[in-house]
Amino acid sequence: MTEIKQIVCGMVNCYLLTGKEGAVLVDTGERGYEEKVFKECEHKNVRLLVLTHGHIDHIQNAAYLARRLEVPIAIHKRDVELTQNQFAQAMTGRGLFGKVLEAASKNKMRKNRIENFEPGIFLKEGDILEQFGIQASVLELPGHTEGSIGLDVDGRAVIVGDALMHMLLPGMAGIYSDKRKLQESAERIGGLGSRMIYFGHGKPLENRKWIKKPS
């Protein structure tokens, strides 16, 4: 069984997935938390760094941690452009809270720098991470960004990145590049059945139906 350790980095979560043959770090947090994440990973035989999507709060420490841990960086091809230009994809806030989140995110993206890095692995739907020591498979969950992904861990938990958020209330991400795809991803997660859901923002919860159908 793969152990899931949540590493809280301010408002953002990273996850250390540890199996018998190695470990995988999921997301990296923002600058200021790089040493905290590194210390959690040190001596854990981390073999891969997975980025759920290309936004700054999830990737800002990617170059540093990949260098310190001596591991490749994996991401979906559709989000590579975001790692180079945070405004390469549309960003729209959903509702009042989403609009506030959109404004704060864009301000952060304008003011902060991301150290350049080259992904060594491009992940897609169905890819298995067993070769890196854990039992997990890749889920494509577009909508928040074009290349957003999650990980189905042991068939008992899903790391969803920002396809869902647990901030004010749990539900769909407050920001999207494509609203229809975001809704489809939320429906897909809800249809996976009994799982623990590990969010990029907020505490984990049991899976549920995340989209309410009109009666």
N, C-alpha and C. Protein backbone atom coordinates (compact mmCIF):
# COMPACT_ATOMS: atom_id res chain seq x y z
N MET A 1 0.83 -1.20 0.00
CA MET A 1 0.00 0.00 0.00
C MET A 1 0.87 1.25 0.00
N THR A 2 0.45 2.23 -0.75
CA THR A 2 1.21 3.48 -0.86
C THR A 2 0.80 4.44 0.26
N GLU A 3 1.78 4.92 0.99
CA GLU A 3 1.51 5.90 2.04
C GLU A 3 1.38 7.29 1.41
N ILE A 4 0.41 8.05 1.87
CA ILE A 4 0.18 9.41 1.39
C ILE A 4 0.43 10.38 2.53
N LYS A 5 1.44 11.23 2.38
CA LYS A 5 1.74 12.23 3.40
C LYS A 5 1.47 13.61 2.83
N GLN A 6 0.58 14.33 3.47
CA GLN A 6 0.28 15.70 3.06
C GLN A 6 1.32 16.65 3.64
N ILE A 7 1.89 17.49 2.79
CA ILE A 7 2.85 18.50 3.22
C ILE A 7 2.20 19.86 3.00
N VAL A 8 1.80 20.51 4.09
CA VAL A 8 1.08 21.77 3.98
C VAL A 8 2.09 22.91 3.82
N CYS A 9 1.94 23.65 2.74
CA CYS A 9 2.84 24.77 2.43
C CYS A 9 1.99 26.04 2.32
N GLY A 10 1.61 26.58 3.45
CA GLY A 10 0.72 27.72 3.44
C GLY A 10 -0.66 27.30 2.97
N MET A 11 -1.11 27.89 1.86
CA MET A 11 -2.42 27.57 1.30
C MET A 11 -2.38 26.40 0.31
N VAL A 12 -1.19 25.87 0.06
CA VAL A 12 -1.02 24.85 -0.97
C VAL A 12 -0.55 23.54 -0.33
N ASN A 13 -1.03 22.43 -0.87
CA ASN A 13 -0.59 21.12 -0.41
C ASN A 13 0.32 20.45 -1.43
N CYS A 14 1.39 19.87 -0.92
CA CYS A 14 2.19 18.92 -1.70
C CYS A 14 1.95 17.55 -1.07
N TYR A 15 2.27 16.50 -1.81
CA TYR A 15 2.06 15.14 -1.29
C TYR A 15 3.28 14.28 -1.56
N LEU A 16 3.69 13.53 -0.54
CA LEU A 16 4.75 12.56 -0.69
C LEU A 16 4.11 11.18 -0.67
N LEU A 17 4.22 10.48 -1.79
CA LEU A 17 3.66 9.13 -1.92
C LEU A 17 4.80 8.14 -1.79
N THR A 18 4.70 7.25 -0.82
CA THR A 18 5.79 6.33 -0.52
C THR A 18 5.32 4.89 -0.60
N GLY A 19 6.03 4.11 -1.42
CA GLY A 19 5.77 2.68 -1.53
C GLY A 19 6.99 1.88 -1.10
N LYS A 20 6.96 0.59 -1.34
CA LYS A 20 8.05 -0.28 -0.92
C LYS A 20 9.33 -0.04 -1.71
N GLU A 21 9.19 0.40 -2.96
CA GLU A 21 10.34 0.51 -3.85
C GLU A 21 10.76 1.95 -4.16
N GLY A 22 10.12 2.93 -3.52
CA GLY A 22 10.48 4.31 -3.79
C GLY A 22 9.37 5.26 -3.43
N ALA A 23 9.55 6.52 -3.79
CA ALA A 23 8.57 7.56 -3.45
C ALA A 23 8.46 8.56 -4.60
N VAL A 24 7.32 9.24 -4.63
CA VAL A 24 7.04 10.26 -5.64
C VAL A 24 6.54 11.51 -4.92
N LEU A 25 7.10 12.66 -5.27
CA LEU A 25 6.62 13.93 -4.75
C LEU A 25 5.64 14.53 -5.74
N VAL A 26 4.47 14.94 -5.24
CA VAL A 26 3.45 15.56 -6.08
C VAL A 26 3.35 17.04 -5.72
N ASP A 27 3.67 17.89 -6.67
CA ASP A 27 3.67 19.35 -6.53
C ASP A 27 4.75 19.83 -5.56
N THR A 28 5.03 21.16 -5.61
CA THR A 28 6.22 21.66 -4.91
C THR A 28 6.00 22.88 -4.04
N GLY A 29 4.82 23.50 -4.11
CA GLY A 29 4.58 24.70 -3.31
C GLY A 29 5.29 25.92 -3.86
N GLU A 30 5.18 27.00 -3.09
CA GLU A 30 5.77 28.28 -3.47
C GLU A 30 7.10 28.51 -2.77
N ARG A 31 7.84 29.48 -3.29
CA ARG A 31 9.11 29.85 -2.68
C ARG A 31 8.90 30.21 -1.21
N GLY A 32 9.82 29.76 -0.38
CA GLY A 32 9.69 29.92 1.06
C GLY A 32 9.39 28.60 1.76
N TYR A 33 8.91 27.63 0.97
CA TYR A 33 8.59 26.31 1.53
C TYR A 33 9.50 25.22 0.95
N GLU A 34 10.47 25.60 0.15
CA GLU A 34 11.29 24.60 -0.53
C GLU A 34 12.06 23.71 0.45
N GLU A 35 12.58 24.32 1.54
CA GLU A 35 13.35 23.52 2.50
C GLU A 35 12.44 22.59 3.30
N LYS A 36 11.25 23.05 3.63
CA LYS A 36 10.29 22.19 4.33
C LYS A 36 9.98 20.95 3.50
N VAL A 37 9.71 21.16 2.22
CA VAL A 37 9.38 20.03 1.35
C VAL A 37 10.59 19.12 1.18
N PHE A 38 11.76 19.72 0.99
CA PHE A 38 12.97 18.91 0.83
C PHE A 38 13.24 18.03 2.04
N LYS A 39 13.07 18.58 3.23
CA LYS A 39 13.33 17.79 4.45
C LYS A 39 12.37 16.63 4.59
N GLU A 40 11.13 16.82 4.13
CA GLU A 40 10.16 15.72 4.16
C GLU A 40 10.56 14.61 3.18
N CYS A 41 11.24 15.00 2.10
CA CYS A 41 11.60 14.04 1.05
C CYS A 41 12.98 13.42 1.25
N GLU A 42 13.83 14.08 2.01
CA GLU A 42 15.21 13.62 2.19
C GLU A 42 15.24 12.21 2.77
N HIS A 43 16.07 11.36 2.20
CA HIS A 43 16.25 9.98 2.65
C HIS A 43 15.00 9.11 2.43
N LYS A 44 14.07 9.54 1.56
CA LYS A 44 12.86 8.76 1.31
C LYS A 44 12.88 8.08 -0.06
N ASN A 45 14.02 8.11 -0.73
CA ASN A 45 14.16 7.48 -2.04
C ASN A 45 13.14 8.01 -3.04
N VAL A 46 13.03 9.33 -3.08
CA VAL A 46 12.14 9.97 -4.06
C VAL A 46 12.73 9.76 -5.45
N ARG A 47 11.88 9.30 -6.37
CA ARG A 47 12.36 8.94 -7.71
C ARG A 47 11.71 9.77 -8.81
N LEU A 48 10.70 10.55 -8.47
CA LEU A 48 10.01 11.34 -9.48
C LEU A 48 9.29 12.51 -8.82
N LEU A 49 9.22 13.63 -9.53
CA LEU A 49 8.46 14.80 -9.10
C LEU A 49 7.34 15.01 -10.12
N VAL A 50 6.10 14.89 -9.67
CA VAL A 50 4.93 15.05 -10.54
C VAL A 50 4.28 16.40 -10.28
N LEU A 51 3.99 17.13 -11.33
CA LEU A 51 3.27 18.40 -11.24
C LEU A 51 1.85 18.19 -11.74
N THR A 52 0.86 18.48 -10.90
CA THR A 52 -0.53 18.27 -11.30
C THR A 52 -0.97 19.27 -12.36
N HIS A 53 -0.35 20.44 -12.38
CA HIS A 53 -0.61 21.45 -13.41
C HIS A 53 0.45 22.54 -13.31
N GLY A 54 0.35 23.54 -14.18
CA GLY A 54 1.46 24.47 -14.33
C GLY A 54 1.38 25.79 -13.60
N HIS A 55 0.47 25.96 -12.65
CA HIS A 55 0.37 27.23 -11.95
C HIS A 55 1.48 27.41 -10.92
N ILE A 56 1.87 28.65 -10.72
CA ILE A 56 3.04 29.00 -9.92
C ILE A 56 3.04 28.41 -8.52
N ASP A 57 1.87 28.38 -7.87
CA ASP A 57 1.84 27.90 -6.49
C ASP A 57 2.12 26.40 -6.39
N HIS A 58 2.07 25.70 -7.51
CA HIS A 58 2.35 24.26 -7.52
C HIS A 58 3.72 23.93 -8.09
N ILE A 59 4.33 24.88 -8.80
CA ILE A 59 5.58 24.55 -9.52
C ILE A 59 6.77 25.43 -9.17
N GLN A 60 6.59 26.42 -8.31
CA GLN A 60 7.67 27.40 -8.13
C GLN A 60 8.96 26.78 -7.61
N ASN A 61 8.86 25.71 -6.85
CA ASN A 61 10.06 25.06 -6.31
C ASN A 61 10.49 23.83 -7.11
N ALA A 62 9.90 23.63 -8.29
CA ALA A 62 10.17 22.41 -9.05
C ALA A 62 11.64 22.28 -9.42
N ALA A 63 12.23 23.33 -9.97
CA ALA A 63 13.63 23.25 -10.39
C ALA A 63 14.54 22.96 -9.20
N TYR A 64 14.31 23.67 -8.11
CA TYR A 64 15.14 23.50 -6.91
C TYR A 64 15.04 22.08 -6.36
N LEU A 65 13.82 21.58 -6.20
CA LEU A 65 13.64 20.26 -5.59
C LEU A 65 14.11 19.15 -6.51
N ALA A 66 13.89 19.29 -7.82
CA ALA A 66 14.39 18.27 -8.75
C ALA A 66 15.91 18.20 -8.70
N ARG A 67 16.53 19.36 -8.56
CA ARG A 67 17.99 19.41 -8.48
C ARG A 67 18.49 18.78 -7.17
N ARG A 68 17.88 19.15 -6.05
CA ARG A 68 18.32 18.63 -4.76
C ARG A 68 18.06 17.13 -4.63
N LEU A 69 16.93 16.68 -5.16
CA LEU A 69 16.56 15.27 -5.04
C LEU A 69 17.11 14.42 -6.18
N GLU A 70 17.62 15.09 -7.22
CA GLU A 70 18.19 14.41 -8.39
C GLU A 70 17.16 13.50 -9.05
N VAL A 71 16.01 14.08 -9.35
CA VAL A 71 14.92 13.33 -9.97
C VAL A 71 14.36 14.09 -11.17
N PRO A 72 13.73 13.38 -12.11
CA PRO A 72 13.08 14.05 -13.24
C PRO A 72 11.76 14.69 -12.83
N ILE A 73 11.33 15.65 -13.62
CA ILE A 73 10.05 16.32 -13.43
C ILE A 73 9.08 15.81 -14.48
N ALA A 74 7.85 15.48 -14.03
CA ALA A 74 6.82 14.98 -14.94
C ALA A 74 5.61 15.91 -14.91
N ILE A 75 5.02 16.14 -16.09
CA ILE A 75 3.86 17.01 -16.22
C ILE A 75 3.14 16.60 -17.50
N HIS A 76 1.90 17.03 -17.66
CA HIS A 76 1.19 16.81 -18.92
C HIS A 76 1.70 17.80 -19.97
N LYS A 77 1.80 17.36 -21.20
CA LYS A 77 2.34 18.21 -22.28
C LYS A 77 1.57 19.51 -22.44
N ARG A 78 0.25 19.48 -22.20
CA ARG A 78 -0.56 20.67 -22.44
C ARG A 78 -0.28 21.79 -21.44
N ASP A 79 0.42 21.49 -20.36
CA ASP A 79 0.72 22.54 -19.38
C ASP A 79 2.17 23.00 -19.40
N VAL A 80 2.95 22.47 -20.31
CA VAL A 80 4.35 22.90 -20.40
C VAL A 80 4.41 24.40 -20.67
N GLU A 81 3.54 24.91 -21.53
CA GLU A 81 3.54 26.34 -21.85
C GLU A 81 3.31 27.20 -20.61
N LEU A 82 2.53 26.71 -19.67
CA LEU A 82 2.28 27.48 -18.45
C LEU A 82 3.53 27.60 -17.59
N THR A 83 4.37 26.60 -17.61
CA THR A 83 5.59 26.67 -16.80
C THR A 83 6.52 27.76 -17.33
N GLN A 84 6.34 28.13 -18.58
CA GLN A 84 7.18 29.15 -19.21
C GLN A 84 6.51 30.52 -19.24
N ASN A 85 5.18 30.52 -19.25
CA ASN A 85 4.40 31.76 -19.28
C ASN A 85 3.08 31.52 -18.55
N GLN A 86 2.95 32.08 -17.37
CA GLN A 86 1.77 31.82 -16.55
C GLN A 86 0.47 32.34 -17.17
N PHE A 87 0.58 33.20 -18.17
CA PHE A 87 -0.60 33.76 -18.82
C PHE A 87 -0.85 33.12 -20.19
N ALA A 88 -0.26 31.94 -20.41
CA ALA A 88 -0.41 31.27 -21.70
C ALA A 88 -1.79 30.67 -21.89
N GLN A 89 -2.52 30.45 -20.80
CA GLN A 89 -3.87 29.91 -20.87
C GLN A 89 -4.84 30.87 -20.20
N ALA A 90 -6.09 30.79 -20.63
CA ALA A 90 -7.13 31.62 -20.03
C ALA A 90 -7.30 31.29 -18.56
N MET A 91 -7.69 32.29 -17.77
CA MET A 91 -7.96 32.09 -16.35
C MET A 91 -9.19 32.92 -15.99
N THR A 92 -10.26 32.25 -15.61
CA THR A 92 -11.52 32.91 -15.29
C THR A 92 -11.99 32.48 -13.92
N GLY A 93 -12.39 33.44 -13.10
CA GLY A 93 -12.91 33.14 -11.77
C GLY A 93 -14.37 32.73 -11.83
N ARG A 94 -14.73 31.74 -11.02
CA ARG A 94 -16.10 31.23 -10.96
C ARG A 94 -16.79 31.78 -9.73
N GLY A 95 -17.76 32.69 -9.92
CA GLY A 95 -18.45 33.30 -8.80
C GLY A 95 -17.61 34.37 -8.14
N LEU A 96 -18.16 34.96 -7.08
CA LEU A 96 -17.47 36.06 -6.40
C LEU A 96 -16.14 35.62 -5.81
N PHE A 97 -16.13 34.49 -5.11
CA PHE A 97 -14.88 34.00 -4.53
C PHE A 97 -13.86 33.70 -5.62
N GLY A 98 -14.34 33.14 -6.71
CA GLY A 98 -13.44 32.83 -7.82
C GLY A 98 -12.83 34.08 -8.43
N LYS A 99 -13.62 35.15 -8.52
CA LYS A 99 -13.09 36.40 -9.06
C LYS A 99 -11.99 36.97 -8.17
N VAL A 100 -12.18 36.86 -6.85
CA VAL A 100 -11.15 37.31 -5.90
C VAL A 100 -9.90 36.45 -6.07
N LEU A 101 -10.11 35.14 -6.18
CA LEU A 101 -8.99 34.21 -6.35
C LEU A 101 -8.27 34.47 -7.67
N GLU A 102 -9.02 34.75 -8.71
CA GLU A 102 -8.43 35.06 -10.02
C GLU A 102 -7.52 36.29 -9.93
N ALA A 103 -8.03 37.35 -9.30
CA ALA A 103 -7.25 38.59 -9.18
C ALA A 103 -5.98 38.36 -8.37
N ALA A 104 -6.09 37.64 -7.25
CA ALA A 104 -4.92 37.38 -6.40
C ALA A 104 -3.91 36.51 -7.13
N SER A 105 -4.39 35.52 -7.87
CA SER A 105 -3.50 34.62 -8.60
C SER A 105 -2.75 35.36 -9.70
N LYS A 106 -3.45 36.18 -10.45
CA LYS A 106 -2.79 36.92 -11.54
C LYS A 106 -1.77 37.91 -10.99
N ASN A 107 -2.08 38.52 -9.86
CA ASN A 107 -1.13 39.43 -9.22
C ASN A 107 0.14 38.69 -8.82
N LYS A 108 -0.03 37.52 -8.24
CA LYS A 108 1.12 36.69 -7.84
C LYS A 108 1.94 36.28 -9.05
N MET A 109 1.27 35.91 -10.12
CA MET A 109 1.97 35.48 -11.33
C MET A 109 2.78 36.61 -11.95
N ARG A 110 2.24 37.83 -11.88
CA ARG A 110 2.95 38.98 -12.44
C ARG A 110 4.20 39.32 -11.63
N LYS A 111 4.13 39.16 -10.32
CA LYS A 111 5.17 39.66 -9.43
C LYS A 111 6.25 38.64 -9.09
N ASN A 112 6.00 37.36 -9.35
CA ASN A 112 6.93 36.33 -8.91
C ASN A 112 7.57 35.60 -10.08
N ARG A 113 8.75 35.09 -9.82
CA ARG A 113 9.54 34.42 -10.85
C ARG A 113 9.54 32.92 -10.62
N ILE A 114 9.57 32.16 -11.70
CA ILE A 114 9.72 30.71 -11.63
C ILE A 114 11.04 30.34 -12.28
N GLU A 115 11.88 29.64 -11.55
CA GLU A 115 13.15 29.19 -12.12
C GLU A 115 12.86 28.21 -13.26
N ASN A 116 13.51 28.40 -14.40
CA ASN A 116 13.28 27.55 -15.56
C ASN A 116 13.64 26.10 -15.27
N PHE A 117 12.84 25.21 -15.83
CA PHE A 117 13.14 23.79 -15.74
C PHE A 117 12.61 23.09 -16.99
N GLU A 118 13.18 21.94 -17.29
CA GLU A 118 12.76 21.13 -18.43
C GLU A 118 12.15 19.84 -17.93
N PRO A 119 10.85 19.63 -18.15
CA PRO A 119 10.27 18.33 -17.77
C PRO A 119 10.97 17.20 -18.52
N GLY A 120 11.20 16.11 -17.81
CA GLY A 120 11.83 14.96 -18.44
C GLY A 120 10.84 13.90 -18.86
N ILE A 121 9.62 13.98 -18.31
CA ILE A 121 8.59 12.97 -18.57
C ILE A 121 7.26 13.69 -18.81
N PHE A 122 6.52 13.24 -19.82
CA PHE A 122 5.20 13.79 -20.09
C PHE A 122 4.16 12.72 -19.78
N LEU A 123 3.30 13.04 -18.83
CA LEU A 123 2.31 12.08 -18.36
C LEU A 123 1.00 12.23 -19.12
N LYS A 124 0.29 11.11 -19.25
CA LYS A 124 -1.01 11.12 -19.92
C LYS A 124 -1.93 10.11 -19.23
N GLU A 125 -3.19 10.14 -19.61
CA GLU A 125 -4.20 9.25 -19.05
C GLU A 125 -3.73 7.79 -19.07
N GLY A 126 -3.85 7.14 -17.90
CA GLY A 126 -3.56 5.71 -17.81
C GLY A 126 -2.12 5.36 -17.51
N ASP A 127 -1.20 6.33 -17.55
CA ASP A 127 0.19 6.02 -17.23
C ASP A 127 0.29 5.48 -15.80
N ILE A 128 1.11 4.44 -15.65
CA ILE A 128 1.31 3.79 -14.35
C ILE A 128 2.66 4.22 -13.78
N LEU A 129 2.68 4.52 -12.48
CA LEU A 129 3.92 4.99 -11.84
C LEU A 129 4.63 3.90 -11.03
N GLU A 130 4.31 2.66 -11.32
CA GLU A 130 4.90 1.54 -10.58
C GLU A 130 6.42 1.52 -10.70
N GLN A 131 6.94 1.94 -11.85
CA GLN A 131 8.39 1.92 -12.04
C GLN A 131 9.11 2.89 -11.11
N PHE A 132 8.35 3.83 -10.52
CA PHE A 132 8.93 4.79 -9.58
C PHE A 132 8.66 4.41 -8.12
N GLY A 133 8.11 3.21 -7.92
CA GLY A 133 8.00 2.66 -6.58
C GLY A 133 6.64 2.76 -5.93
N ILE A 134 5.63 3.30 -6.63
CA ILE A 134 4.31 3.44 -6.01
C ILE A 134 3.23 2.85 -6.92
N GLN A 135 2.09 2.55 -6.31
CA GLN A 135 0.94 2.05 -7.04
C GLN A 135 0.00 3.22 -7.31
N ALA A 136 0.12 3.81 -8.47
CA ALA A 136 -0.71 4.96 -8.83
C ALA A 136 -0.78 5.07 -10.34
N SER A 137 -1.92 5.59 -10.81
CA SER A 137 -2.10 5.80 -12.25
C SER A 137 -2.58 7.22 -12.50
N VAL A 138 -2.31 7.71 -13.69
CA VAL A 138 -2.60 9.10 -14.04
C VAL A 138 -4.02 9.25 -14.56
N LEU A 139 -4.70 10.28 -14.08
CA LEU A 139 -6.02 10.68 -14.56
C LEU A 139 -5.90 12.05 -15.21
N GLU A 140 -6.38 12.20 -16.43
CA GLU A 140 -6.44 13.53 -17.04
C GLU A 140 -7.69 14.23 -16.53
N LEU A 141 -7.51 15.41 -15.92
CA LEU A 141 -8.61 16.15 -15.30
C LEU A 141 -8.58 17.61 -15.77
N PRO A 142 -8.74 17.85 -17.07
CA PRO A 142 -8.63 19.21 -17.59
C PRO A 142 -9.78 20.10 -17.15
N GLY A 143 -9.56 21.40 -17.30
CA GLY A 143 -10.58 22.39 -16.98
C GLY A 143 -10.01 23.52 -16.15
N HIS A 144 -9.37 23.18 -15.04
CA HIS A 144 -8.67 24.21 -14.27
C HIS A 144 -7.55 24.77 -15.14
N THR A 145 -6.76 23.87 -15.71
CA THR A 145 -5.84 24.20 -16.80
C THR A 145 -6.03 23.13 -17.87
N GLU A 146 -5.47 23.35 -19.04
CA GLU A 146 -5.65 22.41 -20.15
C GLU A 146 -5.02 21.05 -19.86
N GLY A 147 -3.91 21.07 -19.11
CA GLY A 147 -3.19 19.82 -18.86
C GLY A 147 -3.24 19.36 -17.42
N SER A 148 -4.27 19.72 -16.68
CA SER A 148 -4.38 19.29 -15.29
C SER A 148 -4.53 17.77 -15.21
N ILE A 149 -3.81 17.18 -14.26
CA ILE A 149 -3.88 15.74 -14.03
C ILE A 149 -4.07 15.46 -12.55
N GLY A 150 -4.48 14.22 -12.26
CA GLY A 150 -4.54 13.73 -10.89
C GLY A 150 -3.92 12.34 -10.85
N LEU A 151 -3.84 11.79 -9.66
CA LEU A 151 -3.31 10.44 -9.48
C LEU A 151 -4.31 9.60 -8.69
N ASP A 152 -4.66 8.45 -9.25
CA ASP A 152 -5.46 7.47 -8.54
C ASP A 152 -4.49 6.54 -7.81
N VAL A 153 -4.50 6.60 -6.49
CA VAL A 153 -3.51 5.90 -5.67
C VAL A 153 -4.13 4.65 -5.07
N ASP A 154 -3.63 3.49 -5.49
CA ASP A 154 -4.09 2.20 -4.94
C ASP A 154 -5.58 1.96 -5.12
N GLY A 155 -6.27 2.74 -5.94
CA GLY A 155 -7.70 2.58 -6.06
C GLY A 155 -8.47 2.96 -4.82
N ARG A 156 -7.80 3.69 -3.90
CA ARG A 156 -8.45 4.07 -2.65
C ARG A 156 -8.40 5.56 -2.37
N ALA A 157 -7.63 6.30 -3.16
CA ALA A 157 -7.47 7.74 -2.96
C ALA A 157 -7.17 8.40 -4.29
N VAL A 158 -7.55 9.67 -4.40
CA VAL A 158 -7.24 10.43 -5.60
C VAL A 158 -6.65 11.78 -5.21
N ILE A 159 -5.48 12.05 -5.72
CA ILE A 159 -4.90 13.39 -5.60
C ILE A 159 -5.38 14.17 -6.82
N VAL A 160 -6.17 15.22 -6.59
CA VAL A 160 -6.89 15.87 -7.69
C VAL A 160 -6.27 17.18 -8.15
N GLY A 161 -5.14 17.59 -7.55
CA GLY A 161 -4.59 18.89 -7.91
C GLY A 161 -5.62 19.97 -7.63
N ASP A 162 -5.89 20.83 -8.61
CA ASP A 162 -6.90 21.87 -8.43
C ASP A 162 -8.15 21.62 -9.27
N ALA A 163 -8.38 20.38 -9.69
CA ALA A 163 -9.64 20.07 -10.35
C ALA A 163 -10.80 20.31 -9.38
N LEU A 164 -10.53 20.03 -8.10
CA LEU A 164 -11.44 20.37 -7.01
C LEU A 164 -10.64 21.15 -5.98
N MET A 165 -11.33 21.97 -5.19
CA MET A 165 -10.68 22.70 -4.10
C MET A 165 -11.52 22.59 -2.84
N HIS A 166 -10.84 22.62 -1.70
CA HIS A 166 -11.53 22.64 -0.41
C HIS A 166 -11.06 23.89 0.33
N MET A 167 -11.62 25.02 -0.09
CA MET A 167 -11.23 26.29 0.51
C MET A 167 -12.38 26.79 1.38
N LEU A 168 -13.24 27.66 0.88
CA LEU A 168 -14.41 28.03 1.68
C LEU A 168 -15.32 26.82 1.84
N LEU A 169 -15.66 26.22 0.72
CA LEU A 169 -16.46 25.00 0.70
C LEU A 169 -15.83 24.06 -0.33
N PRO A 170 -15.95 22.74 -0.13
CA PRO A 170 -15.38 21.82 -1.11
C PRO A 170 -16.21 21.81 -2.39
N GLY A 171 -15.52 21.75 -3.52
CA GLY A 171 -16.23 21.71 -4.79
C GLY A 171 -15.29 21.95 -5.95
N MET A 172 -15.87 22.27 -7.10
CA MET A 172 -15.06 22.56 -8.28
C MET A 172 -14.10 23.70 -8.02
N ALA A 173 -13.00 23.71 -8.76
CA ALA A 173 -12.02 24.79 -8.63
C ALA A 173 -12.68 26.15 -8.84
N GLY A 174 -12.19 27.15 -8.13
CA GLY A 174 -12.72 28.51 -8.27
C GLY A 174 -12.22 29.21 -9.51
N ILE A 175 -11.25 28.63 -10.18
CA ILE A 175 -10.66 29.22 -11.40
C ILE A 175 -10.65 28.15 -12.49
N TYR A 176 -10.93 28.56 -13.70
CA TYR A 176 -10.91 27.58 -14.79
C TYR A 176 -10.37 28.20 -16.07
N SER A 177 -9.83 27.32 -16.91
CA SER A 177 -9.51 27.71 -18.28
C SER A 177 -10.63 27.29 -19.22
N ASP A 178 -11.36 26.24 -18.84
CA ASP A 178 -12.47 25.74 -19.63
C ASP A 178 -13.53 25.21 -18.66
N LYS A 179 -14.63 25.94 -18.54
CA LYS A 179 -15.65 25.60 -17.53
C LYS A 179 -16.29 24.24 -17.80
N ARG A 180 -16.61 23.96 -19.05
CA ARG A 180 -17.25 22.68 -19.37
C ARG A 180 -16.34 21.50 -19.02
N LYS A 181 -15.06 21.62 -19.37
CA LYS A 181 -14.13 20.53 -19.05
C LYS A 181 -13.94 20.39 -17.53
N LEU A 182 -13.96 21.51 -16.82
CA LEU A 182 -13.83 21.46 -15.37
C LEU A 182 -15.02 20.71 -14.77
N GLN A 183 -16.21 20.99 -15.26
CA GLN A 183 -17.40 20.29 -14.78
C GLN A 183 -17.31 18.79 -15.08
N GLU A 184 -16.84 18.46 -16.27
CA GLU A 184 -16.70 17.05 -16.64
C GLU A 184 -15.69 16.34 -15.75
N SER A 185 -14.59 17.02 -15.42
CA SER A 185 -13.59 16.42 -14.55
C SER A 185 -14.14 16.21 -13.14
N ALA A 186 -14.91 17.20 -12.65
CA ALA A 186 -15.52 17.06 -11.32
C ALA A 186 -16.50 15.89 -11.30
N GLU A 187 -17.29 15.75 -12.37
CA GLU A 187 -18.23 14.63 -12.47
C GLU A 187 -17.48 13.31 -12.51
N ARG A 188 -16.37 13.29 -13.23
CA ARG A 188 -15.59 12.05 -13.33
C ARG A 188 -15.06 11.63 -11.96
N ILE A 189 -14.52 12.59 -11.24
CA ILE A 189 -14.00 12.27 -9.90
C ILE A 189 -15.12 11.72 -9.02
N GLY A 190 -16.27 12.40 -9.04
CA GLY A 190 -17.39 11.94 -8.23
C GLY A 190 -17.83 10.54 -8.59
N GLY A 191 -17.68 10.16 -9.86
CA GLY A 191 -18.10 8.84 -10.31
C GLY A 191 -17.12 7.73 -9.99
N LEU A 192 -15.99 8.06 -9.40
CA LEU A 192 -15.00 7.03 -9.06
C LEU A 192 -15.39 6.21 -7.84
N GLY A 193 -16.40 6.66 -7.12
CA GLY A 193 -16.87 5.89 -5.96
C GLY A 193 -16.06 6.17 -4.72
N SER A 194 -16.02 5.20 -3.83
CA SER A 194 -15.40 5.37 -2.52
C SER A 194 -13.90 5.62 -2.64
N ARG A 195 -13.49 6.81 -2.32
CA ARG A 195 -12.09 7.23 -2.36
C ARG A 195 -11.91 8.37 -1.35
N MET A 196 -10.70 8.54 -0.86
CA MET A 196 -10.36 9.78 -0.19
C MET A 196 -9.86 10.75 -1.25
N ILE A 197 -10.30 11.99 -1.16
CA ILE A 197 -9.89 13.01 -2.11
C ILE A 197 -8.88 13.93 -1.45
N TYR A 198 -7.72 14.06 -2.07
CA TYR A 198 -6.65 14.92 -1.57
C TYR A 198 -6.52 16.12 -2.51
N PHE A 199 -6.81 17.29 -1.97
CA PHE A 199 -6.89 18.51 -2.75
C PHE A 199 -5.55 19.25 -2.79
N GLY A 200 -5.38 20.08 -3.82
CA GLY A 200 -4.25 20.98 -3.85
C GLY A 200 -4.38 22.10 -2.83
N HIS A 201 -5.62 22.37 -2.42
CA HIS A 201 -5.90 23.40 -1.41
C HIS A 201 -6.96 22.85 -0.46
N GLY A 202 -6.60 22.68 0.81
CA GLY A 202 -7.57 22.25 1.80
C GLY A 202 -7.37 20.82 2.29
N LYS A 203 -8.17 20.45 3.28
CA LYS A 203 -8.06 19.15 3.92
C LYS A 203 -8.76 18.06 3.10
N PRO A 204 -8.27 16.83 3.20
CA PRO A 204 -8.89 15.73 2.44
C PRO A 204 -10.29 15.41 2.93
N LEU A 205 -11.10 14.89 2.00
CA LEU A 205 -12.48 14.50 2.30
C LEU A 205 -12.81 13.21 1.56
N GLU A 206 -13.87 12.55 2.01
CA GLU A 206 -14.40 11.41 1.28
C GLU A 206 -14.99 11.89 -0.05
N ASN A 207 -14.85 11.07 -1.06
CA ASN A 207 -15.41 11.41 -2.36
C ASN A 207 -16.93 11.51 -2.29
N ARG A 208 -17.49 12.30 -3.20
CA ARG A 208 -18.93 12.51 -3.27
C ARG A 208 -19.27 12.97 -4.69
N LYS A 209 -20.53 13.22 -4.94
CA LYS A 209 -20.93 13.83 -6.20
C LYS A 209 -20.63 15.32 -6.10
N TRP A 210 -19.76 15.81 -6.96
CA TRP A 210 -19.31 17.20 -6.86
C TRP A 210 -20.15 18.15 -7.72
N ILE A 211 -20.94 17.60 -8.61
CA ILE A 211 -21.82 18.41 -9.45
C ILE A 211 -23.26 18.02 -9.15
N LYS A 212 -24.06 18.99 -8.78
CA LYS A 212 -25.48 18.75 -8.50
C LYS A 212 -26.26 18.85 -9.80
N LYS A 213 -26.96 17.79 -10.14
CA LYS A 213 -27.80 17.78 -11.33
C LYS A 213 -29.12 18.48 -11.02
N PRO A 214 -29.64 19.27 -11.95
CA PRO A 214 -30.95 19.89 -11.72
C PRO A 214 -32.04 18.85 -11.57
N SER A 215 -32.95 19.05 -10.63
CA SER A 215 -34.01 18.08 -10.37
C SER A 215 -35.15 18.24 -11.38
